PDB file of all heavy atoms in Angstrom:
ATOM      1  N   ILE A   1       1.537  -9.652 -14.914  1.00  0.00           N
ATOM      2  CA  ILE A   1       1.220 -11.000 -15.447  1.00  0.00           C
ATOM      3  C   ILE A   1       1.790 -11.901 -14.410  1.00  0.00           C
ATOM      4  O   ILE A   1       2.819 -12.513 -14.596  1.00  0.00           O
ATOM      5  CB  ILE A   1       1.818 -11.250 -16.893  1.00  0.00           C
ATOM      6  CG1 ILE A   1       1.407 -10.132 -17.733  1.00  0.00           C
ATOM      7  CG2 ILE A   1       1.405 -12.551 -17.392  1.00  0.00           C
ATOM      8  CD1 ILE A   1       1.936 -10.208 -19.188  1.00  0.00           C
ATOM      9  N   VAL A   2       1.045 -12.193 -13.358  1.00  0.00           N
ATOM     10  CA  VAL A   2       1.561 -12.799 -12.207  1.00  0.00           C
ATOM     11  C   VAL A   2       0.502 -13.829 -11.695  1.00  0.00           C
ATOM     12  O   VAL A   2      -0.629 -13.442 -11.548  1.00  0.00           O
ATOM     13  CB  VAL A   2       1.966 -11.905 -11.066  1.00  0.00           C
ATOM     14  CG1 VAL A   2       2.487 -12.703  -9.855  1.00  0.00           C
ATOM     15  CG2 VAL A   2       2.996 -10.937 -11.493  1.00  0.00           C
ATOM     16  N   LEU A   3       0.918 -15.037 -11.555  1.00  0.00           N
ATOM     17  CA  LEU A   3      -0.001 -16.020 -10.858  1.00  0.00           C
ATOM     18  C   LEU A   3       0.534 -16.378  -9.546  1.00  0.00           C
ATOM     19  O   LEU A   3       1.725 -16.733  -9.409  1.00  0.00           O
ATOM     20  CB  LEU A   3      -0.019 -17.353 -11.797  1.00  0.00           C
ATOM     21  CG  LEU A   3      -0.983 -18.405 -11.317  1.00  0.00           C
ATOM     22  CD1 LEU A   3      -2.386 -17.872 -11.295  1.00  0.00           C
ATOM     23  CD2 LEU A   3      -0.863 -19.626 -12.133  1.00  0.00           C
ATOM     24  N   GLY A   4      -0.359 -16.182  -8.553  1.00  0.00           N
ATOM     25  CA  GLY A   4       0.217 -16.321  -7.222  1.00  0.00           C
ATOM     26  C   GLY A   4       1.117 -15.128  -6.865  1.00  0.00           C
ATOM     27  O   GLY A   4       2.204 -15.314  -6.411  1.00  0.00           O
ATOM     28  N   MET A   5       0.551 -13.887  -6.989  1.00  0.00           N
ATOM     29  CA  MET A   5       1.423 -12.701  -6.885  1.00  0.00           C
ATOM     30  C   MET A   5       2.009 -12.516  -5.520  1.00  0.00           C
ATOM     31  O   MET A   5       3.209 -12.148  -5.432  1.00  0.00           O
ATOM     32  CB  MET A   5       0.572 -11.440  -7.230  1.00  0.00           C
ATOM     33  CG  MET A   5       1.395 -10.152  -7.294  1.00  0.00           C
ATOM     34  SD  MET A   5       0.377  -8.751  -7.355  1.00  0.00           S
ATOM     35  CE  MET A   5      -0.495  -8.890  -5.803  1.00  0.00           C
ATOM     36  N   LEU A   6       1.376 -12.790  -4.518  1.00  0.00           N
ATOM     37  CA  LEU A   6       1.944 -12.615  -3.161  1.00  0.00           C
ATOM     38  C   LEU A   6       3.127 -13.481  -2.929  1.00  0.00           C
ATOM     39  O   LEU A   6       4.176 -13.098  -2.371  1.00  0.00           O
ATOM     40  CB  LEU A   6       0.903 -12.920  -2.089  1.00  0.00           C
ATOM     41  CG  LEU A   6      -0.280 -11.890  -2.083  1.00  0.00           C
ATOM     42  CD1 LEU A   6      -1.267 -12.289  -0.970  1.00  0.00           C
ATOM     43  CD2 LEU A   6       0.311 -10.487  -1.879  1.00  0.00           C
ATOM     44  N   LEU A   7       3.110 -14.749  -3.507  1.00  0.00           N
ATOM     45  CA  LEU A   7       4.182 -15.641  -3.395  1.00  0.00           C
ATOM     46  C   LEU A   7       5.461 -15.121  -4.147  1.00  0.00           C
ATOM     47  O   LEU A   7       6.542 -15.076  -3.631  1.00  0.00           O
ATOM     48  CB  LEU A   7       3.911 -17.031  -3.922  1.00  0.00           C
ATOM     49  CG  LEU A   7       5.038 -18.029  -3.960  1.00  0.00           C
ATOM     50  CD1 LEU A   7       5.599 -18.267  -2.552  1.00  0.00           C
ATOM     51  CD2 LEU A   7       4.500 -19.339  -4.679  1.00  0.00           C
ATOM     52  N   SER A   8       5.151 -14.472  -5.398  1.00  0.00           N
ATOM     53  CA  SER A   8       6.236 -13.962  -6.136  1.00  0.00           C
ATOM     54  C   SER A   8       6.819 -12.736  -5.493  1.00  0.00           C
ATOM     55  O   SER A   8       8.072 -12.564  -5.468  1.00  0.00           O
ATOM     56  CB  SER A   8       5.733 -13.529  -7.572  1.00  0.00           C
ATOM     57  OG  SER A   8       5.230 -14.670  -8.237  1.00  0.00           O
ATOM     58  N   MET A   9       6.063 -11.927  -4.792  1.00  0.00           N
ATOM     59  CA  MET A   9       6.515 -10.742  -4.107  1.00  0.00           C
ATOM     60  C   MET A   9       7.405 -11.169  -2.983  1.00  0.00           C
ATOM     61  O   MET A   9       8.433 -10.477  -2.741  1.00  0.00           O
ATOM     62  CB  MET A   9       5.352  -9.863  -3.671  1.00  0.00           C
ATOM     63  CG  MET A   9       4.581  -9.198  -4.704  1.00  0.00           C
ATOM     64  SD  MET A   9       3.134  -8.294  -4.213  1.00  0.00           S
ATOM     65  CE  MET A   9       3.867  -6.983  -3.186  1.00  0.00           C
ATOM     66  N   THR A  10       7.078 -12.257  -2.185  1.00  0.00           N
ATOM     67  CA  THR A  10       7.870 -12.687  -1.198  1.00  0.00           C
ATOM     68  C   THR A  10       9.187 -13.181  -1.732  1.00  0.00           C
ATOM     69  O   THR A  10      10.339 -12.859  -1.166  1.00  0.00           O
ATOM     70  CB  THR A  10       7.184 -13.887  -0.458  1.00  0.00           C
ATOM     71  OG1 THR A  10       5.967 -13.410   0.074  1.00  0.00           O
ATOM     72  CG2 THR A  10       8.022 -14.447   0.622  1.00  0.00           C
ATOM     73  N   ASN A  11       9.240 -13.847  -2.925  1.00  0.00           N
ATOM     74  CA  ASN A  11      10.497 -14.275  -3.486  1.00  0.00           C
ATOM     75  C   ASN A  11      11.427 -13.124  -3.884  1.00  0.00           C
ATOM     76  O   ASN A  11      12.601 -13.215  -3.792  1.00  0.00           O
ATOM     77  CB  ASN A  11      10.180 -15.161  -4.686  1.00  0.00           C
ATOM     78  CG  ASN A  11       9.554 -16.524  -4.366  1.00  0.00           C
ATOM     79  OD1 ASN A  11       9.701 -16.986  -3.297  1.00  0.00           O
ATOM     80  ND2 ASN A  11       8.883 -17.170  -5.307  1.00  0.00           N
ATOM     81  N   TRP A  12      10.821 -12.081  -4.312  1.00  0.00           N
ATOM     82  CA  TRP A  12      11.647 -10.900  -4.649  1.00  0.00           C
ATOM     83  C   TRP A  12      12.098 -10.077  -3.438  1.00  0.00           C
ATOM     84  O   TRP A  12      12.899  -9.167  -3.446  1.00  0.00           O
ATOM     85  CB  TRP A  12      10.834  -9.946  -5.632  1.00  0.00           C
ATOM     86  CG  TRP A  12      10.734 -10.442  -6.993  1.00  0.00           C
ATOM     87  CD1 TRP A  12      11.707 -11.009  -7.683  1.00  0.00           C
ATOM     88  CD2 TRP A  12       9.537 -10.335  -7.840  1.00  0.00           C
ATOM     89  NE1 TRP A  12      11.204 -11.364  -8.949  1.00  0.00           N
ATOM     90  CE2 TRP A  12       9.936 -10.953  -9.030  1.00  0.00           C
ATOM     91  CE3 TRP A  12       8.268  -9.872  -7.699  1.00  0.00           C
ATOM     92  CZ2 TRP A  12       9.010 -11.026 -10.118  1.00  0.00           C
ATOM     93  CZ3 TRP A  12       7.373  -9.989  -8.750  1.00  0.00           C
ATOM     94  CH2 TRP A  12       7.788 -10.572  -9.960  1.00  0.00           C
ATOM     95  N   GLY A  13      11.520 -10.365  -2.236  1.00  0.00           N
ATOM     96  CA  GLY A  13      11.830  -9.610  -1.118  1.00  0.00           C
ATOM     97  C   GLY A  13      11.117  -8.249  -1.055  1.00  0.00           C
ATOM     98  O   GLY A  13      11.623  -7.298  -0.528  1.00  0.00           O
ATOM     99  N   LEU A  14       9.919  -8.120  -1.719  1.00  0.00           N
ATOM    100  CA  LEU A  14       9.278  -6.861  -1.657  1.00  0.00           C
ATOM    101  C   LEU A  14       8.318  -6.783  -0.611  1.00  0.00           C
ATOM    102  O   LEU A  14       7.737  -7.583  -0.044  1.00  0.00           O
ATOM    103  CB  LEU A  14       8.395  -6.805  -3.020  1.00  0.00           C
ATOM    104  CG  LEU A  14       9.101  -6.688  -4.319  1.00  0.00           C
ATOM    105  CD1 LEU A  14       8.091  -6.895  -5.537  1.00  0.00           C
ATOM    106  CD2 LEU A  14       9.798  -5.332  -4.456  1.00  0.00           C
ATOM    107  N   THR A  15       8.139  -5.402  -0.176  1.00  0.00           N
ATOM    108  CA  THR A  15       7.120  -5.178   0.816  1.00  0.00           C
ATOM    109  C   THR A  15       5.836  -5.422   0.217  1.00  0.00           C
ATOM    110  O   THR A  15       5.456  -4.935  -0.879  1.00  0.00           O
ATOM    111  CB  THR A  15       7.189  -3.689   1.239  1.00  0.00           C
ATOM    112  OG1 THR A  15       8.474  -3.360   1.746  1.00  0.00           O
ATOM    113  CG2 THR A  15       6.075  -3.279   2.286  1.00  0.00           C
ATOM    114  N   GLN A  16       4.897  -6.296   0.786  1.00  0.00           N
ATOM    115  CA  GLN A  16       3.619  -6.550   0.243  1.00  0.00           C
ATOM    116  C   GLN A  16       2.755  -5.287   0.328  1.00  0.00           C
ATOM    117  O   GLN A  16       2.873  -4.469   1.205  1.00  0.00           O
ATOM    118  CB  GLN A  16       3.000  -7.723   0.941  1.00  0.00           C
ATOM    119  CG  GLN A  16       3.773  -9.075   0.833  1.00  0.00           C
ATOM    120  CD  GLN A  16       2.916 -10.149   1.364  1.00  0.00           C
ATOM    121  OE1 GLN A  16       1.833 -10.063   1.770  1.00  0.00           O
ATOM    122  NE2 GLN A  16       3.548 -11.305   1.421  1.00  0.00           N
ATOM    123  N   ASP A  17       1.974  -5.188  -0.747  1.00  0.00           N
ATOM    124  CA  ASP A  17       1.050  -4.043  -0.837  1.00  0.00           C
ATOM    125  C   ASP A  17      -0.013  -4.292   0.293  1.00  0.00           C
ATOM    126  O   ASP A  17      -0.762  -5.214   0.243  1.00  0.00           O
ATOM    127  CB  ASP A  17       0.431  -4.033  -2.246  1.00  0.00           C
ATOM    128  CG  ASP A  17      -0.205  -2.744  -2.602  1.00  0.00           C
ATOM    129  OD1 ASP A  17      -0.677  -2.120  -1.647  1.00  0.00           O
ATOM    130  OD2 ASP A  17      -0.256  -2.440  -3.692  1.00  0.00           O
ATOM    131  N   THR A  18      -0.042  -3.381   1.216  1.00  0.00           N
ATOM    132  CA  THR A  18      -0.949  -3.641   2.432  1.00  0.00           C
ATOM    133  C   THR A  18      -2.328  -3.100   2.094  1.00  0.00           C
ATOM    134  O   THR A  18      -3.159  -3.098   2.984  1.00  0.00           O
ATOM    135  CB  THR A  18      -0.397  -2.763   3.621  1.00  0.00           C
ATOM    136  OG1 THR A  18      -0.140  -1.377   3.205  1.00  0.00           O
ATOM    137  CG2 THR A  18       0.918  -3.381   4.019  1.00  0.00           C
ATOM    138  N   SER A  19      -2.615  -2.603   0.894  1.00  0.00           N
ATOM    139  CA  SER A  19      -3.941  -2.183   0.604  1.00  0.00           C
ATOM    140  C   SER A  19      -4.945  -3.367   0.642  1.00  0.00           C
ATOM    141  O   SER A  19      -4.559  -4.513   0.131  1.00  0.00           O
ATOM    142  CB  SER A  19      -4.033  -1.520  -0.775  1.00  0.00           C
ATOM    143  OG  SER A  19      -2.996  -0.633  -0.936  1.00  0.00           O
ATOM    144  N   SER A  20      -6.094  -3.110   1.109  1.00  0.00           N
ATOM    145  CA  SER A  20      -7.101  -4.259   1.275  1.00  0.00           C
ATOM    146  C   SER A  20      -7.733  -4.616  -0.064  1.00  0.00           C
ATOM    147  O   SER A  20      -8.282  -3.767  -0.757  1.00  0.00           O
ATOM    148  CB  SER A  20      -8.172  -3.823   2.245  1.00  0.00           C
ATOM    149  OG  SER A  20      -7.617  -3.569   3.542  1.00  0.00           O
ATOM    150  N   PRO A  21      -7.684  -5.890  -0.435  1.00  0.00           N
ATOM    151  CA  PRO A  21      -8.316  -6.273  -1.758  1.00  0.00           C
ATOM    152  C   PRO A  21      -9.777  -6.429  -1.665  1.00  0.00           C
ATOM    153  O   PRO A  21     -10.271  -7.512  -1.812  1.00  0.00           O
ATOM    154  CB  PRO A  21      -7.606  -7.603  -2.061  1.00  0.00           C
ATOM    155  CG  PRO A  21      -7.262  -8.213  -0.801  1.00  0.00           C
ATOM    156  CD  PRO A  21      -7.065  -6.983   0.223  1.00  0.00           C
ATOM    157  N   THR A  22     -10.502  -5.264  -1.576  1.00  0.00           N
ATOM    158  CA  THR A  22     -11.937  -5.366  -1.415  1.00  0.00           C
ATOM    159  C   THR A  22     -12.518  -4.659  -2.617  1.00  0.00           C
ATOM    160  O   THR A  22     -11.913  -3.865  -3.339  1.00  0.00           O
ATOM    161  CB  THR A  22     -12.444  -4.716  -0.135  1.00  0.00           C
ATOM    162  OG1 THR A  22     -12.089  -3.274  -0.233  1.00  0.00           O
ATOM    163  CG2 THR A  22     -11.762  -5.281   1.060  1.00  0.00           C
ATOM    164  N   SER A  23     -13.727  -4.938  -2.993  1.00  0.00           N
ATOM    165  CA  SER A  23     -14.488  -4.382  -4.044  1.00  0.00           C
ATOM    166  C   SER A  23     -14.865  -2.910  -3.811  1.00  0.00           C
ATOM    167  O   SER A  23     -14.947  -2.103  -4.631  1.00  0.00           O
ATOM    168  CB  SER A  23     -15.618  -5.192  -4.541  1.00  0.00           C
ATOM    169  OG  SER A  23     -16.567  -5.295  -3.424  1.00  0.00           O
ATOM    170  N   GLU A  24     -15.287  -2.617  -2.606  1.00  0.00           N
ATOM    171  CA  GLU A  24     -15.841  -1.328  -2.254  1.00  0.00           C
ATOM    172  C   GLU A  24     -14.768  -0.410  -1.708  1.00  0.00           C
ATOM    173  O   GLU A  24     -14.852   0.862  -1.811  1.00  0.00           O
ATOM    174  CB  GLU A  24     -16.889  -1.446  -1.164  1.00  0.00           C
ATOM    175  CG  GLU A  24     -18.151  -2.159  -1.665  1.00  0.00           C
ATOM    176  CD  GLU A  24     -17.995  -3.685  -1.537  1.00  0.00           C
ATOM    177  OE1 GLU A  24     -16.990  -4.108  -0.894  1.00  0.00           O
ATOM    178  OE2 GLU A  24     -18.802  -4.366  -2.097  1.00  0.00           O
ATOM    179  N   GLY A  25     -13.604  -0.915  -1.201  1.00  0.00           N
ATOM    180  CA  GLY A  25     -12.628  -0.093  -0.646  1.00  0.00           C
ATOM    181  C   GLY A  25     -12.996   0.411   0.742  1.00  0.00           C
ATOM    182  O   GLY A  25     -13.956  -0.096   1.362  1.00  0.00           O
ATOM    183  N   LEU A  26     -12.302   1.298   1.234  1.00  0.00           N
ATOM    184  CA  LEU A  26     -12.504   1.869   2.589  1.00  0.00           C
ATOM    185  C   LEU A  26     -13.428   3.053   2.511  1.00  0.00           C
ATOM    186  O   LEU A  26     -13.413   3.839   1.513  1.00  0.00           O
ATOM    187  CB  LEU A  26     -11.214   2.321   3.147  1.00  0.00           C
ATOM    188  CG  LEU A  26     -10.044   1.253   3.339  1.00  0.00           C
ATOM    189  CD1 LEU A  26      -8.855   1.780   4.067  1.00  0.00           C
ATOM    190  CD2 LEU A  26     -10.557   0.029   3.986  1.00  0.00           C
ATOM    191  N   SER A  27     -14.176   3.193   3.593  1.00  0.00           N
ATOM    192  CA  SER A  27     -15.099   4.470   3.690  1.00  0.00           C
ATOM    193  C   SER A  27     -14.272   5.628   4.067  1.00  0.00           C
ATOM    194  O   SER A  27     -13.154   5.489   4.561  1.00  0.00           O
ATOM    195  CB  SER A  27     -16.176   4.111   4.683  1.00  0.00           C
ATOM    196  OG  SER A  27     -15.553   4.053   6.064  1.00  0.00           O
ATOM    197  N   ALA A  28     -14.870   6.806   4.015  1.00  0.00           N
ATOM    198  CA  ALA A  28     -14.178   7.944   4.362  1.00  0.00           C
ATOM    199  C   ALA A  28     -13.931   7.938   5.881  1.00  0.00           C
ATOM    200  O   ALA A  28     -12.899   8.446   6.280  1.00  0.00           O
ATOM    201  CB  ALA A  28     -15.144   9.183   4.086  1.00  0.00           C
ATOM    202  N   GLU A  29     -14.746   7.352   6.637  1.00  0.00           N
ATOM    203  CA  GLU A  29     -14.522   7.247   8.085  1.00  0.00           C
ATOM    204  C   GLU A  29     -13.319   6.378   8.341  1.00  0.00           C
ATOM    205  O   GLU A  29     -12.525   6.620   9.254  1.00  0.00           O
ATOM    206  CB  GLU A  29     -15.754   6.670   8.780  1.00  0.00           C
ATOM    207  CG  GLU A  29     -16.946   7.622   8.821  1.00  0.00           C
ATOM    208  CD  GLU A  29     -17.643   7.757   7.485  1.00  0.00           C
ATOM    209  OE1 GLU A  29     -17.418   6.821   6.604  1.00  0.00           O
ATOM    210  OE2 GLU A  29     -18.471   8.658   7.252  1.00  0.00           O
ATOM    211  N   GLN A  30     -13.212   5.241   7.670  1.00  0.00           N
ATOM    212  CA  GLN A  30     -12.070   4.329   7.944  1.00  0.00           C
ATOM    213  C   GLN A  30     -10.736   4.996   7.446  1.00  0.00           C
ATOM    214  O   GLN A  30      -9.723   4.775   8.084  1.00  0.00           O
ATOM    215  CB  GLN A  30     -12.300   3.019   7.120  1.00  0.00           C
ATOM    216  CG  GLN A  30     -13.429   2.180   7.571  1.00  0.00           C
ATOM    217  CD  GLN A  30     -13.681   0.963   6.700  1.00  0.00           C
ATOM    218  OE1 GLN A  30     -13.935   1.183   5.609  1.00  0.00           O
ATOM    219  NE2 GLN A  30     -13.817  -0.255   7.290  1.00  0.00           N
ATOM    220  N   ILE A  31     -10.809   5.689   6.333  1.00  0.00           N
ATOM    221  CA  ILE A  31      -9.632   6.396   5.921  1.00  0.00           C
ATOM    222  C   ILE A  31      -9.160   7.452   6.925  1.00  0.00           C
ATOM    223  O   ILE A  31      -7.939   7.596   7.193  1.00  0.00           O
ATOM    224  CB  ILE A  31      -9.897   7.018   4.527  1.00  0.00           C
ATOM    225  CG1 ILE A  31     -10.007   5.885   3.446  1.00  0.00           C
ATOM    226  CG2 ILE A  31      -8.719   7.973   4.066  1.00  0.00           C
ATOM    227  CD1 ILE A  31     -10.303   6.422   2.032  1.00  0.00           C
ATOM    228  N   ALA A  32     -10.062   8.173   7.439  1.00  0.00           N
ATOM    229  CA  ALA A  32      -9.837   9.220   8.409  1.00  0.00           C
ATOM    230  C   ALA A  32      -9.128   8.693   9.690  1.00  0.00           C
ATOM    231  O   ALA A  32      -8.419   9.377  10.341  1.00  0.00           O
ATOM    232  CB  ALA A  32     -11.124   9.979   8.830  1.00  0.00           C
ATOM    233  N   GLU A  33      -9.351   7.419  10.024  1.00  0.00           N
ATOM    234  CA  GLU A  33      -8.806   6.747  11.189  1.00  0.00           C
ATOM    235  C   GLU A  33      -7.375   6.369  10.974  1.00  0.00           C
ATOM    236  O   GLU A  33      -6.656   5.931  11.971  1.00  0.00           O
ATOM    237  CB  GLU A  33      -9.605   5.572  11.689  1.00  0.00           C
ATOM    238  CG  GLU A  33     -11.038   6.064  12.107  1.00  0.00           C
ATOM    239  CD  GLU A  33     -11.898   4.789  12.501  1.00  0.00           C
ATOM    240  OE1 GLU A  33     -11.437   3.640  12.246  1.00  0.00           O
ATOM    241  OE2 GLU A  33     -13.012   4.983  13.025  1.00  0.00           O
ATOM    242  N   ILE A  34      -6.890   6.285   9.671  1.00  0.00           N
ATOM    243  CA  ILE A  34      -5.544   5.833   9.482  1.00  0.00           C
ATOM    244  C   ILE A  34      -4.555   6.987   9.598  1.00  0.00           C
ATOM    245  O   ILE A  34      -4.698   8.030   9.059  1.00  0.00           O
ATOM    246  CB  ILE A  34      -5.433   5.326   7.962  1.00  0.00           C
ATOM    247  CG1 ILE A  34      -6.373   4.147   7.736  1.00  0.00           C
ATOM    248  CG2 ILE A  34      -4.013   4.970   7.608  1.00  0.00           C
ATOM    249  CD1 ILE A  34      -6.468   3.707   6.280  1.00  0.00           C
ATOM    250  N   PRO A  35      -3.596   6.758  10.551  1.00  0.00           N
ATOM    251  CA  PRO A  35      -2.597   7.807  10.822  1.00  0.00           C
ATOM    252  C   PRO A  35      -1.833   8.268   9.524  1.00  0.00           C
ATOM    253  O   PRO A  35      -1.457   7.372   8.729  1.00  0.00           O
ATOM    254  CB  PRO A  35      -1.548   7.205  11.777  1.00  0.00           C
ATOM    255  CG  PRO A  35      -2.385   6.045  12.311  1.00  0.00           C
ATOM    256  CD  PRO A  35      -3.303   5.550  11.330  1.00  0.00           C
ATOM    257  N   VAL A  36      -1.667   9.520   9.259  1.00  0.00           N
ATOM    258  CA  VAL A  36      -1.004   9.982   8.072  1.00  0.00           C
ATOM    259  C   VAL A  36       0.457  10.188   8.481  1.00  0.00           C
ATOM    260  O   VAL A  36       0.826  10.815   9.432  1.00  0.00           O
ATOM    261  CB  VAL A  36      -1.539  11.307   7.674  1.00  0.00           C
ATOM    262  CG1 VAL A  36      -0.769  12.009   6.541  1.00  0.00           C
ATOM    263  CG2 VAL A  36      -3.050  11.210   7.235  1.00  0.00           C
ATOM    264  N   VAL A  37       1.268   9.619   7.659  1.00  0.00           N
ATOM    265  CA  VAL A  37       2.735   9.692   7.788  1.00  0.00           C
ATOM    266  C   VAL A  37       3.226  10.634   6.722  1.00  0.00           C
ATOM    267  O   VAL A  37       3.117  10.417   5.542  1.00  0.00           O
ATOM    268  CB  VAL A  37       3.442   8.319   7.612  1.00  0.00           C
ATOM    269  CG1 VAL A  37       4.983   8.498   7.750  1.00  0.00           C
ATOM    270  CG2 VAL A  37       2.957   7.291   8.716  1.00  0.00           C
ATOM    271  N   GLU A  38       3.916  11.750   7.094  1.00  0.00           N
ATOM    272  CA  GLU A  38       4.323  12.805   6.176  1.00  0.00           C
ATOM    273  C   GLU A  38       5.708  12.399   5.645  1.00  0.00           C
ATOM    274  O   GLU A  38       6.540  11.952   6.441  1.00  0.00           O
ATOM    275  CB  GLU A  38       4.379  14.136   6.836  1.00  0.00           C
ATOM    276  CG  GLU A  38       3.023  14.606   7.255  1.00  0.00           C
ATOM    277  CD  GLU A  38       2.092  14.906   6.087  1.00  0.00           C
ATOM    278  OE1 GLU A  38       2.531  15.020   4.862  1.00  0.00           O
ATOM    279  OE2 GLU A  38       0.867  15.001   6.382  1.00  0.00           O
ATOM    280  N   PHE A  39       5.944  12.515   4.379  1.00  0.00           N
ATOM    281  CA  PHE A  39       7.182  12.236   3.733  1.00  0.00           C
ATOM    282  C   PHE A  39       7.837  13.573   3.449  1.00  0.00           C
ATOM    283  O   PHE A  39       7.210  14.442   2.828  1.00  0.00           O
ATOM    284  CB  PHE A  39       7.033  11.479   2.444  1.00  0.00           C
ATOM    285  CG  PHE A  39       6.759   9.986   2.630  1.00  0.00           C
ATOM    286  CD1 PHE A  39       6.101   9.483   3.703  1.00  0.00           C
ATOM    287  CD2 PHE A  39       7.213   9.039   1.603  1.00  0.00           C
ATOM    288  CE1 PHE A  39       5.955   8.170   3.872  1.00  0.00           C
ATOM    289  CE2 PHE A  39       6.954   7.680   1.809  1.00  0.00           C
ATOM    290  CZ  PHE A  39       6.285   7.287   2.941  1.00  0.00           C
ATOM    291  N   GLU A  40       9.092  13.726   3.869  1.00  0.00           N
ATOM    292  CA  GLU A  40       9.810  14.999   3.609  1.00  0.00           C
ATOM    293  C   GLU A  40      10.368  14.962   2.163  1.00  0.00           C
ATOM    294  O   GLU A  40      11.112  14.057   1.737  1.00  0.00           O
ATOM    295  CB  GLU A  40      11.012  15.148   4.506  1.00  0.00           C
ATOM    296  CG  GLU A  40      11.788  16.425   4.265  1.00  0.00           C
ATOM    297  CD  GLU A  40      13.058  16.378   5.143  1.00  0.00           C
ATOM    298  OE1 GLU A  40      13.199  15.519   6.007  1.00  0.00           O
ATOM    299  OE2 GLU A  40      13.818  17.415   4.990  1.00  0.00           O
ATOM    300  N   ARG A  41       9.929  16.034   1.313  1.00  0.00           N
ATOM    301  CA  ARG A  41      10.453  16.075  -0.012  1.00  0.00           C
ATOM    302  C   ARG A  41      11.838  16.767  -0.088  1.00  0.00           C
ATOM    303  O   ARG A  41      12.097  17.673   0.648  1.00  0.00           O
ATOM    304  CB  ARG A  41       9.517  16.912  -0.874  1.00  0.00           C
ATOM    305  CG  ARG A  41       9.830  16.874  -2.360  1.00  0.00           C
ATOM    306  CD  ARG A  41       8.920  17.788  -3.136  1.00  0.00           C
ATOM    307  NE  ARG A  41       7.559  17.400  -3.068  1.00  0.00           N
ATOM    308  CZ  ARG A  41       7.008  16.557  -3.968  1.00  0.00           C
ATOM    309  NH1 ARG A  41       7.817  15.994  -4.855  1.00  0.00           N
ATOM    310  NH2 ARG A  41       5.684  16.247  -3.883  1.00  0.00           N
ATOM    311  N   LEU A  42      12.706  16.211  -0.918  1.00  0.00           N
ATOM    312  CA  LEU A  42      13.979  16.850  -1.173  1.00  0.00           C
ATOM    313  C   LEU A  42      13.813  18.185  -1.868  1.00  0.00           C
ATOM    314  O   LEU A  42      13.036  18.167  -2.871  1.00  0.00           O
ATOM    315  CB  LEU A  42      14.807  15.896  -2.030  1.00  0.00           C
ATOM    316  CG  LEU A  42      16.195  16.455  -2.464  1.00  0.00           C
ATOM    317  CD1 LEU A  42      17.120  16.692  -1.284  1.00  0.00           C
ATOM    318  CD2 LEU A  42      16.799  15.499  -3.534  1.00  0.00           C
ATOM    319  N   PRO A  43      14.135  19.292  -1.282  1.00  0.00           N
ATOM    320  CA  PRO A  43      13.911  20.624  -2.004  1.00  0.00           C
ATOM    321  C   PRO A  43      14.553  20.683  -3.327  1.00  0.00           C
ATOM    322  O   PRO A  43      15.785  20.244  -3.552  1.00  0.00           O
ATOM    323  CB  PRO A  43      14.613  21.628  -1.009  1.00  0.00           C
ATOM    324  CG  PRO A  43      14.700  20.883   0.299  1.00  0.00           C
ATOM    325  CD  PRO A  43      14.848  19.469   0.002  1.00  0.00           C
ATOM    326  N   ALA A  44      13.863  21.111  -4.308  1.00  0.00           N
ATOM    327  CA  ALA A  44      14.482  21.345  -5.616  1.00  0.00           C
ATOM    328  C   ALA A  44      15.614  22.378  -5.574  1.00  0.00           C
ATOM    329  O   ALA A  44      15.377  23.501  -4.982  1.00  0.00           O
ATOM    330  CB  ALA A  44      13.401  21.697  -6.620  1.00  0.00           C
ATOM    331  N   ASN A  45      16.714  22.045  -6.042  1.00  0.00           N
ATOM    332  CA  ASN A  45      17.911  22.960  -5.958  1.00  0.00           C
ATOM    333  C   ASN A  45      17.957  23.771  -7.300  1.00  0.00           C
ATOM    334  O   ASN A  45      18.517  23.417  -8.295  1.00  0.00           O
ATOM    335  CB  ASN A  45      19.180  22.126  -5.850  1.00  0.00           C
ATOM    336  CG  ASN A  45      20.430  22.990  -5.516  1.00  0.00           C
ATOM    337  OD1 ASN A  45      20.478  24.155  -5.966  1.00  0.00           O
ATOM    338  ND2 ASN A  45      21.351  22.431  -4.687  1.00  0.00           N
TER     339      ASN A  45
END
C-alpha cells in the first residue's frame, strides 16, 4: 500500500527492484542474455 513506491524505497535504503515494469515482460531471448549469478546455499547440517 504505497504511493510513490520508488521514493519510499529510497527512504528506507532498499535496493530498488531492478525488474522492468512492462506488461509483456522479457522474451526468452532477452532472459538468455542475462548473466546468471549462482548463490551458494548453506549446507543443511
